[in-house]
Amino acid sequence: MDPALRRLVNGVLWPGFTGLRPPDWLARACDDGLAGVVYFGHNIDQCDAEQPARLSAELRNHRPGVLIGIDEEGGNVSRLDAARGSVLPGHAQLGCLDNLDSTRAVGRMIGRRAASAGANIVLAPVADVNTNPANPVIGVRAFGRDTQLVARHAAAMILGLQESGVAACVKHFPGHGDTHTDSHLALPRLDLSWTEIERDHLPPFHAAVAAGVRAVMTAHIVVPDRGDLPATLNARILGALRETGFTGTIVTDALDMAAIRASFGAGQGAVLALVAGAELLCIGNPSNLGPNGGRTTDQTAYLEVRDAIFEALDDGVLTAGALERAGESVARLALPTDPPIPLDIPAPSAKQDASDAGRMVRSAITVRGAAKLDQPRLTLLDLRARATLAVASTADTFTTSLSLNFELDRIAPGADQAALAGRLAAIPSDSGVVVLVDRIGSAGAQLDAVKSIADLRPHAVVINAGVPSCDPIPLAVIDALGSSKITAETVVSMLRGQTP
């Protein structure tokens, strides 16, 4: 294999990997010009604060210009705090506050934490306008459902991130906020006209470009008004991104997601993405399930994409010139973001960041009804949906925080309303009842269950970690707008009648 060609292909590949240190195949690929890597929670030792920086240094010993990315949105999505839960506000909380200085400050906090881990690009902010309250994968990851609100906060977070010296990668173009399907599991359709998309979903990306964002991540969604191919593989849609004036790097969402993998395969998807105009191929998270329900090894996923590109070059589907131009864009992205915060301006202390973050979260959480619980004993009924692959956190922050403050019993909701009623009837009369939900933003099983619980336990308190409900809820409700560690701790303090 021609070494120069191998370096050319490697220059557009962005794989994940397993372990806390670079495996041998990854070290060899870095020596051979690999664009970089994306960190996931399983790459971060949650008990060793210095480990991520050591890992990054080891990678840069193989290739100084390596591009190290991390999904660090604040709120529900954190790789640095995957086992504990994030200590920073999420997008929905910041949107609720609607204070651009706060959003920019959180961007700086995220950027500083990412930079201290050795990352030079953060896969944030989320610029999706969550117009569908039942959206299974965006929800509180978005700043809100108002286009202009999302636009101004996306721009503010980009400024904060890039002031800290890391690049921002805004996502998911042309907008994932009105979908009904999680693209990690299937291929969503956005049944809107392009005119509607331009009006309601593209303004945040225009604002991101105006703010100087250095990278844009594509969405694995089909827009029938622009053809049958997903946006990631669609030259018309990626061309529309360039028409905004964006001159930075176009990054694919993970090619191992079912939206691409099931219909095209990661290798063919990679080729089609490059043909369409994408430049950096995010291969994905090797801890996710593969096409047959098993795990695909990190090296196997990388080789599948790499070899498909080699074949496309041999067949004339791709040209070396196009690949070289894409690689040049990626190499520019790996350069330091200018300007970072001037060195003569000291960064706030971790203690100050924590204080500011706590104040923001407390101000964003809203309470409807009497949500204080005087009982030392609580029964927890958890109706929440299973965490999405985008969140990918092992932290059960609410259960942990509740158990540290109350004598806690947990009961399963049961398979139907009769089973639920039986479980509620068995709860001791001296026990408070807390109901955890995250999908009451629209009609559905969780909302129905909450209304049934109200008939049997009218003093129960609902903690809603998702999008607030538009329907009246006949119980006290705490709209937490997330399930991060700092959110759970703040909610529990409120339940106890304390001032966090």
Protein backbone atom coordinates (compact mmCIF):
# COMPACT_ATOMS: atom_id res chain seq x y z
CA MET A 1 0.00 0.00 0.00
CA ASP A 2 1.37 3.41 -0.98
CA PRO A 3 2.44 5.13 2.29
CA ALA A 4 1.54 8.58 0.92
CA LEU A 5 -1.94 7.40 -0.02
CA ARG A 6 -2.40 5.77 3.37
CA ARG A 7 -1.55 9.06 5.09
CA LEU A 8 -3.96 10.89 2.80
CA VAL A 9 -6.82 8.58 3.74
CA ASN A 10 -5.94 8.58 7.44
CA GLY A 11 -6.02 12.37 7.39
CA VAL A 12 -9.84 12.42 7.21
CA LEU A 13 -10.56 9.61 9.70
CA TRP A 14 -11.69 10.26 13.28
CA PRO A 15 -12.22 6.96 15.11
CA GLY A 16 -13.09 6.09 18.66
CA PHE A 17 -11.19 3.45 20.58
CA THR A 18 -11.50 1.37 23.72
CA GLY A 19 -9.32 1.67 26.79
CA LEU A 20 -7.55 4.32 28.83
CA ARG A 21 -4.42 4.22 26.67
CA PRO A 22 -3.95 4.12 22.89
CA PRO A 23 -4.11 0.55 21.56
CA ASP A 24 -1.31 -0.51 19.24
CA TRP A 25 -3.37 -0.13 16.07
CA LEU A 26 -4.25 3.46 17.02
CA ALA A 27 -0.65 4.37 17.76
CA ARG A 28 0.36 3.03 14.34
CA ALA A 29 -2.46 4.94 12.65
CA CYS A 30 -1.36 8.18 14.37
CA ASP A 31 2.17 7.56 13.13
CA ASP A 32 0.58 7.18 9.68
CA GLY A 33 -1.17 10.56 9.71
CA LEU A 34 -4.50 9.79 11.43
CA ALA A 35 -6.60 12.95 11.77
CA GLY A 36 -7.30 12.27 15.43
CA VAL A 37 -9.64 10.56 17.86
CA VAL A 38 -12.90 11.16 19.69
CA TYR A 39 -12.98 10.48 23.43
CA PHE A 40 -15.92 8.66 24.98
CA GLY A 41 -16.70 7.97 28.62
CA HIS A 42 -14.87 4.65 28.56
CA ASN A 43 -11.64 6.49 27.67
CA ILE A 44 -11.79 8.63 30.81
CA ASP A 45 -10.67 7.35 34.22
CA GLN A 46 -13.22 8.98 36.51
CA CYS A 47 -10.95 8.44 39.54
CA ASP A 48 -7.82 10.00 38.06
CA ALA A 49 -8.14 13.66 37.09
CA GLU A 50 -4.78 13.67 35.31
CA GLN A 51 -5.40 10.58 33.15
CA PRO A 52 -7.08 12.33 30.17
CA ALA A 53 -4.19 14.77 29.81
CA ARG A 54 -1.68 11.91 29.95
CA LEU A 55 -3.65 10.05 27.29
CA SER A 56 -3.67 13.12 25.06
CA ALA A 57 0.06 13.64 25.54
CA GLU A 58 0.71 10.03 24.60
CA LEU A 59 -1.27 10.44 21.38
CA ARG A 60 0.60 13.64 20.54
CA ASN A 61 3.89 11.84 21.02
CA HIS A 62 2.84 9.84 17.96
CA ARG A 63 1.41 12.79 16.03
CA PRO A 64 1.73 16.35 17.35
CA GLY A 65 -1.10 17.62 15.15
CA VAL A 66 -3.67 15.07 16.30
CA LEU A 67 -7.24 16.40 16.60
CA ILE A 68 -8.77 15.25 19.90
CA GLY A 69 -12.53 15.72 20.19
CA ILE A 70 -14.94 15.19 23.03
CA ASP A 71 -18.74 15.31 23.39
CA GLU A 72 -19.08 17.75 26.26
CA GLU A 73 -22.36 19.65 26.09
CA GLY A 74 -22.93 20.26 29.78
CA GLY A 75 -26.12 18.91 31.33
CA ASN A 76 -27.02 15.38 30.33
CA VAL A 77 -24.15 14.80 27.89
CA SER A 78 -20.69 14.62 29.43
CA ARG A 79 -17.80 12.29 28.74
CA LEU A 80 -15.52 13.76 31.39
CA ASP A 81 -18.20 13.07 34.02
CA ALA A 82 -19.87 10.05 32.44
CA ALA A 83 -19.85 8.00 35.66
CA ARG A 84 -20.87 10.82 38.01
CA GLY A 85 -22.98 13.18 35.95
CA SER A 86 -22.11 16.67 34.77
CA VAL A 87 -21.43 19.54 37.14
CA LEU A 88 -22.44 22.15 34.55
CA PRO A 89 -25.81 23.46 33.33
CA GLY A 90 -27.35 21.94 30.23
CA HIS A 91 -28.60 23.73 27.15
CA ALA A 92 -32.28 23.72 28.15
CA GLN A 93 -31.44 25.26 31.52
CA LEU A 94 -29.40 27.97 29.83
CA GLY A 95 -32.20 28.59 27.35
CA CYS A 96 -34.66 28.93 30.22
CA LEU A 97 -32.41 31.52 31.89
CA ASP A 98 -31.96 33.30 28.54
CA ASN A 99 -28.88 35.11 29.79
CA LEU A 100 -26.25 35.19 27.06
CA ASP A 101 -23.46 36.03 29.49
CA SER A 102 -24.27 32.86 31.44
CA THR A 103 -24.28 30.73 28.30
CA ARG A 104 -20.99 32.20 27.17
CA ALA A 105 -19.52 31.60 30.63
CA VAL A 106 -20.58 27.94 30.55
CA GLY A 107 -18.96 27.66 27.13
CA ARG A 108 -15.72 28.87 28.70
CA MET A 109 -16.10 26.39 31.57
CA ILE A 110 -16.60 23.50 29.15
CA GLY A 111 -13.73 24.69 26.99
CA ARG A 112 -11.31 24.97 29.90
CA ARG A 113 -12.21 21.49 31.14
CA ALA A 114 -11.83 20.01 27.66
CA ALA A 115 -8.52 21.78 27.11
CA SER A 116 -7.18 20.53 30.44
CA ALA A 117 -7.96 17.00 29.23
CA GLY A 118 -5.93 17.66 26.09
CA ALA A 119 -8.89 18.02 23.71
CA ASN A 120 -8.73 20.72 21.07
CA ILE A 121 -12.32 20.50 19.80
CA VAL A 122 -15.63 20.16 21.64
CA LEU A 123 -18.65 18.64 19.91
CA ALA A 124 -21.00 21.41 21.01
CA PRO A 125 -23.19 23.37 21.03
CA VAL A 126 -26.44 21.72 19.98
CA ALA A 127 -28.14 24.15 17.59
CA ASP A 128 -31.22 22.00 17.00
CA VAL A 129 -34.55 23.75 17.57
CA ASN A 130 -36.60 21.27 19.57
CA THR A 131 -39.97 21.94 17.93
CA ASN A 132 -41.12 18.37 18.60
CA PRO A 133 -41.66 17.95 22.37
CA ALA A 134 -41.61 14.16 21.91
CA ASN A 135 -38.20 14.21 20.22
CA PRO A 136 -36.48 11.09 21.59
CA VAL A 137 -32.86 12.21 21.20
CA ILE A 138 -32.68 16.02 21.44
CA GLY A 139 -35.14 17.28 24.06
CA VAL A 140 -33.33 19.10 26.87
CA ARG A 141 -30.08 18.91 24.91
CA ALA A 142 -31.49 21.85 22.93
CA PHE A 143 -31.65 25.43 24.19
CA GLY A 144 -35.37 25.40 23.46
CA ARG A 145 -38.06 25.42 20.79
CA ASP A 146 -37.81 29.07 19.78
CA THR A 147 -35.62 29.57 16.72
CA GLN A 148 -34.17 32.93 17.67
CA LEU A 149 -33.50 31.90 21.27
CA VAL A 150 -31.57 28.86 20.06
CA ALA A 151 -29.67 30.99 17.56
CA ARG A 152 -28.44 33.54 20.06
CA HIS A 153 -27.45 30.95 22.67
CA ALA A 154 -25.67 28.74 20.14
CA ALA A 155 -23.61 31.76 19.12
CA ALA A 156 -22.89 32.68 22.75
CA MET A 157 -21.68 29.19 23.61
CA ILE A 158 -19.46 29.09 20.52
CA LEU A 159 -17.85 32.35 21.61
CA GLY A 160 -17.25 30.97 25.11
CA LEU A 161 -15.82 27.69 23.89
CA GLN A 162 -13.49 29.27 21.37
CA GLU A 163 -12.37 31.96 23.83
CA SER A 164 -10.97 29.11 25.91
CA GLY A 165 -8.75 28.01 23.04
CA VAL A 166 -10.70 24.99 21.78
CA ALA A 167 -12.68 24.74 18.55
CA ALA A 168 -16.46 24.41 18.67
CA CYS A 169 -18.36 21.97 16.46
CA VAL A 170 -22.00 23.01 16.22
CA LYS A 171 -24.55 20.26 15.52
CA HIS A 172 -26.67 18.76 13.82
CA PHE A 173 -27.09 20.44 10.41
CA PRO A 174 -29.72 21.09 9.04
CA GLY A 175 -31.53 20.50 12.34
CA HIS A 176 -32.57 17.41 14.31
CA GLY A 177 -35.19 19.11 16.45
CA ASP A 178 -38.39 18.07 14.67
CA THR A 179 -37.64 14.36 14.34
CA HIS A 180 -39.57 11.49 15.89
CA THR A 181 -36.79 8.91 15.65
CA ASP A 182 -33.39 8.57 17.32
CA SER A 183 -30.77 8.38 14.56
CA HIS A 184 -28.65 6.14 16.77
CA LEU A 185 -31.36 3.51 16.25
CA ALA A 186 -32.94 4.23 12.84
CA LEU A 187 -33.00 6.79 10.02
CA PRO A 188 -35.30 9.74 10.83
CA ARG A 189 -37.26 11.74 8.25
CA LEU A 190 -37.85 15.45 8.49
CA ASP A 191 -41.11 15.93 6.62
CA LEU A 192 -40.83 19.68 6.22
CA SER A 193 -40.36 21.74 3.11
CA TRP A 194 -36.94 23.28 2.66
CA THR A 195 -38.60 26.67 3.04
CA GLU A 196 -39.85 25.65 6.49
CA ILE A 197 -36.42 24.33 7.43
CA GLU A 198 -34.78 27.56 6.30
CA ARG A 199 -37.25 29.54 8.40
CA ASP A 200 -37.35 27.46 11.59
CA HIS A 201 -34.18 25.35 11.78
CA LEU A 202 -31.35 26.99 9.83
CA PRO A 203 -31.10 30.38 11.62
CA PRO A 204 -29.08 28.91 14.54
CA PHE A 205 -26.52 27.61 12.06
CA HIS A 206 -26.35 30.99 10.34
CA ALA A 207 -25.72 32.50 13.79
CA ALA A 208 -23.04 29.90 14.47
CA VAL A 209 -21.26 30.75 11.23
CA ALA A 210 -21.46 34.46 12.03
CA ALA A 211 -19.92 33.70 15.45
CA GLY A 212 -16.94 32.06 13.75
CA VAL A 213 -17.65 28.42 14.50
CA ARG A 214 -14.83 26.25 13.19
CA ALA A 215 -16.72 23.03 12.49
CA VAL A 216 -20.27 21.88 11.77
CA MET A 217 -21.54 18.35 12.38
CA THR A 218 -24.11 16.88 10.02
CA ALA A 219 -27.37 15.14 10.92
CA HIS A 220 -28.26 11.62 9.83
CA ILE A 221 -31.76 12.64 8.76
CA VAL A 222 -33.60 12.39 5.45
CA VAL A 223 -35.22 15.57 4.14
CA PRO A 224 -37.46 14.32 1.30
CA ASP A 225 -37.63 17.83 -0.13
CA ARG A 226 -33.89 17.51 -0.82
CA GLY A 227 -33.75 13.90 -1.97
CA ASP A 228 -33.59 10.42 -0.51
CA LEU A 229 -30.07 10.53 0.94
CA PRO A 230 -29.49 11.53 4.58
CA ALA A 231 -28.06 15.00 5.10
CA THR A 232 -24.64 13.54 5.94
CA LEU A 233 -24.49 11.97 2.47
CA ASN A 234 -26.43 14.64 0.59
CA ALA A 235 -24.52 17.10 -1.60
CA ARG A 236 -27.52 19.44 -1.90
CA ILE A 237 -27.83 19.78 1.86
CA LEU A 238 -24.10 20.12 2.51
CA GLY A 239 -24.01 22.62 -0.34
CA ALA A 240 -26.65 24.64 1.50
CA LEU A 241 -24.31 24.71 4.50
CA ARG A 242 -21.56 26.21 2.34
CA GLU A 243 -24.07 28.76 1.05
CA THR A 244 -24.31 30.17 4.59
CA GLY A 245 -20.73 31.36 4.14
CA PHE A 246 -19.25 28.59 6.26
CA THR A 247 -15.62 27.91 5.31
CA GLY A 248 -14.65 25.61 8.18
CA THR A 249 -14.68 21.83 8.43
CA ILE A 250 -17.76 19.69 7.79
CA VAL A 251 -17.80 16.77 10.23
CA THR A 252 -20.08 13.75 9.99
CA ASP A 253 -22.03 12.48 12.93
CA ALA A 254 -20.88 8.99 13.90
CA LEU A 255 -21.00 6.61 10.94
CA ASP A 256 -21.64 3.62 13.20
CA MET A 257 -25.10 4.96 14.08
CA ALA A 258 -27.92 2.80 12.75
CA ALA A 259 -29.20 5.64 10.54
CA ILE A 260 -26.12 5.11 8.34
CA ARG A 261 -24.89 1.66 9.29
CA ALA A 262 -28.16 -0.19 8.67
CA SER A 263 -28.89 1.38 5.28
CA PHE A 264 -25.44 1.94 3.80
CA GLY A 265 -22.78 0.46 6.05
CA ALA A 266 -20.15 2.62 7.69
CA GLY A 267 -17.68 2.14 4.83
CA GLN A 268 -20.06 3.05 2.01
CA GLY A 269 -21.50 5.82 4.16
CA ALA A 270 -18.02 7.27 4.56
CA VAL A 271 -17.43 7.30 0.81
CA LEU A 272 -20.81 8.90 0.08
CA ALA A 273 -20.19 11.52 2.77
CA LEU A 274 -16.87 12.50 1.22
CA VAL A 275 -18.44 12.67 -2.24
CA ALA A 276 -21.18 14.92 -0.82
CA GLY A 277 -18.66 17.34 0.69
CA ALA A 278 -17.98 16.12 4.23
CA GLU A 279 -14.34 16.38 5.28
CA LEU A 280 -13.87 14.67 8.65
CA LEU A 281 -15.40 11.23 9.18
CA CYS A 282 -16.43 10.53 12.76
CA ILE A 283 -16.41 6.73 12.84
CA GLY A 284 -18.15 6.38 16.18
CA ASN A 285 -18.23 4.76 19.59
CA PRO A 286 -16.85 1.20 19.61
CA SER A 287 -18.82 0.38 22.75
CA ASN A 288 -22.09 0.66 20.79
CA LEU A 289 -23.79 -2.45 19.46
CA GLY A 290 -22.83 -3.49 15.94
CA PRO A 291 -25.15 -4.49 13.06
CA ASN A 292 -25.70 -8.02 14.40
CA GLY A 293 -26.27 -6.99 17.99
CA GLY A 294 -22.66 -7.60 18.98
CA ARG A 295 -19.79 -5.23 19.59
CA THR A 296 -17.66 -4.07 16.69
CA THR A 297 -14.03 -3.69 17.71
CA ASP A 298 -12.49 -0.27 17.45
CA GLN A 299 -9.91 -1.41 14.90
CA THR A 300 -12.49 -3.25 12.79
CA ALA A 301 -14.64 -0.13 12.50
CA TYR A 302 -11.63 1.97 11.53
CA LEU A 303 -10.44 -0.53 8.91
CA GLU A 304 -13.92 -0.85 7.39
CA VAL A 305 -14.04 2.86 6.68
CA ARG A 306 -10.39 3.18 5.65
CA ASP A 307 -10.53 0.27 3.22
CA ALA A 308 -13.79 1.50 1.66
CA ILE A 309 -12.08 4.80 0.87
CA PHE A 310 -9.10 2.99 -0.66
CA GLU A 311 -11.49 1.05 -2.89
CA ALA A 312 -13.33 4.24 -3.89
CA LEU A 313 -10.02 5.81 -4.89
CA ASP A 314 -9.14 2.76 -6.97
CA ASP A 315 -12.57 2.85 -8.66
CA GLY A 316 -12.43 6.57 -9.39
CA VAL A 317 -15.41 7.36 -7.15
CA LEU A 318 -13.10 9.58 -5.09
CA THR A 319 -10.08 11.52 -6.28
CA ALA A 320 -6.86 12.03 -4.39
CA GLY A 321 -7.24 15.77 -4.96
CA ALA A 322 -10.61 15.91 -3.20
CA LEU A 323 -9.24 13.86 -0.33
CA GLU A 324 -6.21 16.13 -0.06
CA ARG A 325 -8.43 19.21 0.17
CA ALA A 326 -10.51 17.58 2.90
CA GLY A 327 -7.37 16.65 4.80
CA GLU A 328 -6.10 20.22 4.59
CA SER A 329 -9.35 21.45 6.13
CA VAL A 330 -9.00 18.94 8.97
CA ALA A 331 -5.37 19.93 9.55
CA ARG A 332 -6.41 23.59 9.87
CA LEU A 333 -9.08 22.57 12.39
CA ALA A 334 -6.39 20.99 14.58
CA LEU A 335 -4.50 24.30 14.82
CA PRO A 336 -5.04 26.37 17.98
CA THR A 337 -8.22 28.43 18.03
CA ASP A 338 -7.51 32.14 17.89
CA PRO A 339 -7.86 34.12 19.99
CA PRO A 340 -7.80 32.25 23.30
CA ILE A 341 -8.44 34.15 26.53
CA PRO A 342 -5.47 36.51 27.09
CA LEU A 343 -2.97 35.04 29.52
CA ASP A 344 -3.10 38.10 31.76
CA ILE A 345 -6.78 37.41 32.55
CA PRO A 346 -6.85 34.65 35.18
CA ALA A 347 -9.41 31.91 34.69
CA PRO A 348 -11.97 31.59 37.48
CA SER A 349 -11.21 28.96 40.09
CA ALA A 350 -12.97 25.61 40.04
CA LYS A 351 -14.78 26.72 43.19
CA GLN A 352 -16.04 29.86 41.47
CA ASP A 353 -17.15 27.85 38.42
CA ALA A 354 -19.05 25.45 40.68
CA SER A 355 -20.74 28.33 42.49
CA ASP A 356 -21.74 30.02 39.25
CA ALA A 357 -22.99 26.75 37.75
CA GLY A 358 -25.07 25.98 40.83
CA ARG A 359 -26.66 29.42 40.77
CA MET A 360 -27.57 29.04 37.09
CA VAL A 361 -29.12 25.60 37.58
CA ARG A 362 -31.14 26.73 40.60
CA SER A 363 -32.47 29.72 38.69
CA ALA A 364 -33.50 27.55 35.73
CA ILE A 365 -35.45 24.96 37.72
CA THR A 366 -39.14 25.79 38.11
CA VAL A 367 -41.58 24.45 40.67
CA ARG A 368 -45.32 24.12 40.23
CA GLY A 369 -47.20 23.40 43.44
CA ALA A 370 -45.94 22.43 46.92
CA ALA A 371 -42.84 20.36 46.23
CA LYS A 372 -41.30 20.19 49.71
CA LEU A 373 -41.27 16.78 51.40
CA ASP A 374 -41.12 16.61 55.21
CA GLN A 375 -40.96 12.82 55.51
CA PRO A 376 -37.58 11.20 56.17
CA ARG A 377 -38.70 8.24 54.09
CA LEU A 378 -39.37 8.33 50.36
CA THR A 379 -40.66 5.89 47.80
CA LEU A 380 -39.29 6.45 44.33
CA LEU A 381 -41.23 5.50 41.23
CA ASP A 382 -38.99 5.84 38.19
CA LEU A 383 -40.94 6.09 34.93
CA ARG A 384 -38.09 7.49 32.84
CA ALA A 385 -37.22 6.12 29.44
CA ARG A 386 -33.94 4.34 28.96
CA ALA A 387 -31.03 6.75 28.44
CA THR A 388 -30.19 7.33 24.79
CA LEU A 389 -26.84 6.42 23.27
CA ALA A 390 -26.18 10.14 22.88
CA VAL A 391 -26.22 10.54 26.66
CA ALA A 392 -24.25 7.34 27.27
CA SER A 393 -23.91 7.96 31.01
CA THR A 394 -23.89 5.33 33.72
CA ALA A 395 -24.76 7.88 36.40
CA ASP A 396 -28.16 7.58 38.11
CA THR A 397 -27.89 11.02 39.61
CA PHE A 398 -31.39 11.39 41.04
CA THR A 399 -31.39 8.03 42.80
CA THR A 400 -27.94 8.73 44.22
CA SER A 401 -28.86 12.18 45.50
CA LEU A 402 -32.20 11.04 46.92
CA SER A 403 -30.64 8.07 48.72
CA LEU A 404 -28.06 10.33 50.36
CA ASN A 405 -30.81 12.53 51.81
CA PHE A 406 -33.74 10.21 52.46
CA GLU A 407 -34.45 6.66 53.51
CA LEU A 408 -35.27 5.52 50.00
CA ASP A 409 -37.42 2.69 48.70
CA ARG A 410 -37.71 2.02 44.98
CA ILE A 411 -40.64 0.37 43.23
CA ALA A 412 -41.08 -0.60 39.61
CA PRO A 413 -44.05 0.99 37.83
CA GLY A 414 -45.54 -2.33 36.71
CA ALA A 415 -46.71 -3.43 33.31
CA ASP A 416 -50.10 -1.69 33.34
CA GLN A 417 -52.29 0.72 35.29
CA ALA A 418 -53.66 -2.01 37.56
CA ALA A 419 -50.16 -3.11 38.54
CA LEU A 420 -49.19 0.50 39.17
CA ALA A 421 -52.22 1.01 41.41
CA GLY A 422 -51.33 -2.09 43.41
CA ARG A 423 -47.80 -0.91 43.99
CA LEU A 424 -48.94 2.54 45.06
CA ALA A 425 -51.46 1.07 47.50
CA ALA A 426 -48.68 -0.89 49.19
CA ILE A 427 -46.58 2.19 49.95
CA PRO A 428 -46.59 3.00 53.70
CA SER A 429 -48.67 6.02 54.62
CA ASP A 430 -45.70 7.75 56.25
CA SER A 431 -43.64 7.64 53.06
CA GLY A 432 -43.44 10.50 50.63
CA VAL A 433 -43.71 9.61 46.96
CA VAL A 434 -41.46 10.95 44.21
CA VAL A 435 -42.17 10.19 40.56
CA LEU A 436 -39.30 10.56 38.09
CA VAL A 437 -40.26 11.29 34.48
CA ASP A 438 -38.59 12.59 31.34
CA ARG A 439 -41.20 12.22 28.59
CA ILE A 440 -44.24 14.23 29.66
CA GLY A 441 -43.66 16.99 27.13
CA SER A 442 -46.33 15.35 24.97
CA ALA A 443 -49.08 12.78 25.39
CA GLY A 444 -47.91 9.28 26.21
CA ALA A 445 -47.50 6.57 28.81
CA GLN A 446 -45.57 8.68 31.31
CA LEU A 447 -48.13 11.46 31.32
CA ASP A 448 -50.97 8.95 31.65
CA ALA A 449 -49.21 7.28 34.59
CA VAL A 450 -48.68 10.60 36.36
CA LYS A 451 -52.38 11.41 36.10
CA SER A 452 -53.25 7.98 37.52
CA ILE A 453 -50.82 8.45 40.40
CA ALA A 454 -52.46 11.77 41.25
CA ASP A 455 -55.74 9.98 41.99
CA LEU A 456 -54.06 7.61 44.46
CA ARG A 457 -51.28 9.74 45.97
CA PRO A 458 -52.32 13.38 45.58
CA HIS A 459 -49.31 14.61 47.57
CA ALA A 460 -46.74 12.91 45.36
CA VAL A 461 -44.09 15.10 43.77
CA VAL A 462 -43.10 14.76 40.13
CA ILE A 463 -39.50 15.42 39.13
CA ASN A 464 -39.46 16.03 35.39
CA ALA A 465 -36.00 15.71 33.85
CA GLY A 466 -37.28 16.31 30.33
CA VAL A 467 -39.18 18.91 28.35
CA PRO A 468 -41.95 20.51 30.47
CA SER A 469 -45.49 19.37 29.87
CA CYS A 470 -47.95 21.66 28.14
CA ASP A 471 -50.79 19.74 29.82
CA PRO A 472 -51.84 20.60 33.38
CA ILE A 473 -50.37 18.13 35.88
CA PRO A 474 -52.51 17.45 38.98
CA LEU A 475 -49.42 17.07 41.20
CA ALA A 476 -46.58 19.25 42.37
CA VAL A 477 -43.96 19.29 39.60
CA ILE A 478 -40.30 20.23 39.60
CA ASP A 479 -39.21 20.92 36.02
CA ALA A 480 -35.50 20.20 36.31
CA LEU A 481 -34.67 20.41 32.58
CA GLY A 482 -32.05 17.69 32.87
CA SER A 483 -30.59 14.93 34.98
CA SER A 484 -27.01 16.03 35.54
CA LYS A 485 -25.34 15.62 38.92
CA ILE A 486 -25.64 19.29 39.76
CA THR A 487 -29.31 19.26 38.72
CA ALA A 488 -30.16 16.25 40.89
CA GLU A 489 -28.38 17.71 43.91
CA THR A 490 -30.20 21.01 43.46
CA VAL A 491 -33.60 19.33 43.13
CA VAL A 492 -33.07 17.27 46.28
CA SER A 493 -32.11 20.40 48.21
CA MET A 494 -35.35 21.98 47.04
CA LEU A 495 -37.34 18.93 48.15
CA ARG A 496 -35.85 19.33 51.62
CA GLY A 497 -36.74 23.00 51.67
CA GLN A 498 -33.09 24.04 51.64
CA THR A 499 -31.44 26.83 49.72
CA PRO A 500 -28.71 25.22 47.59
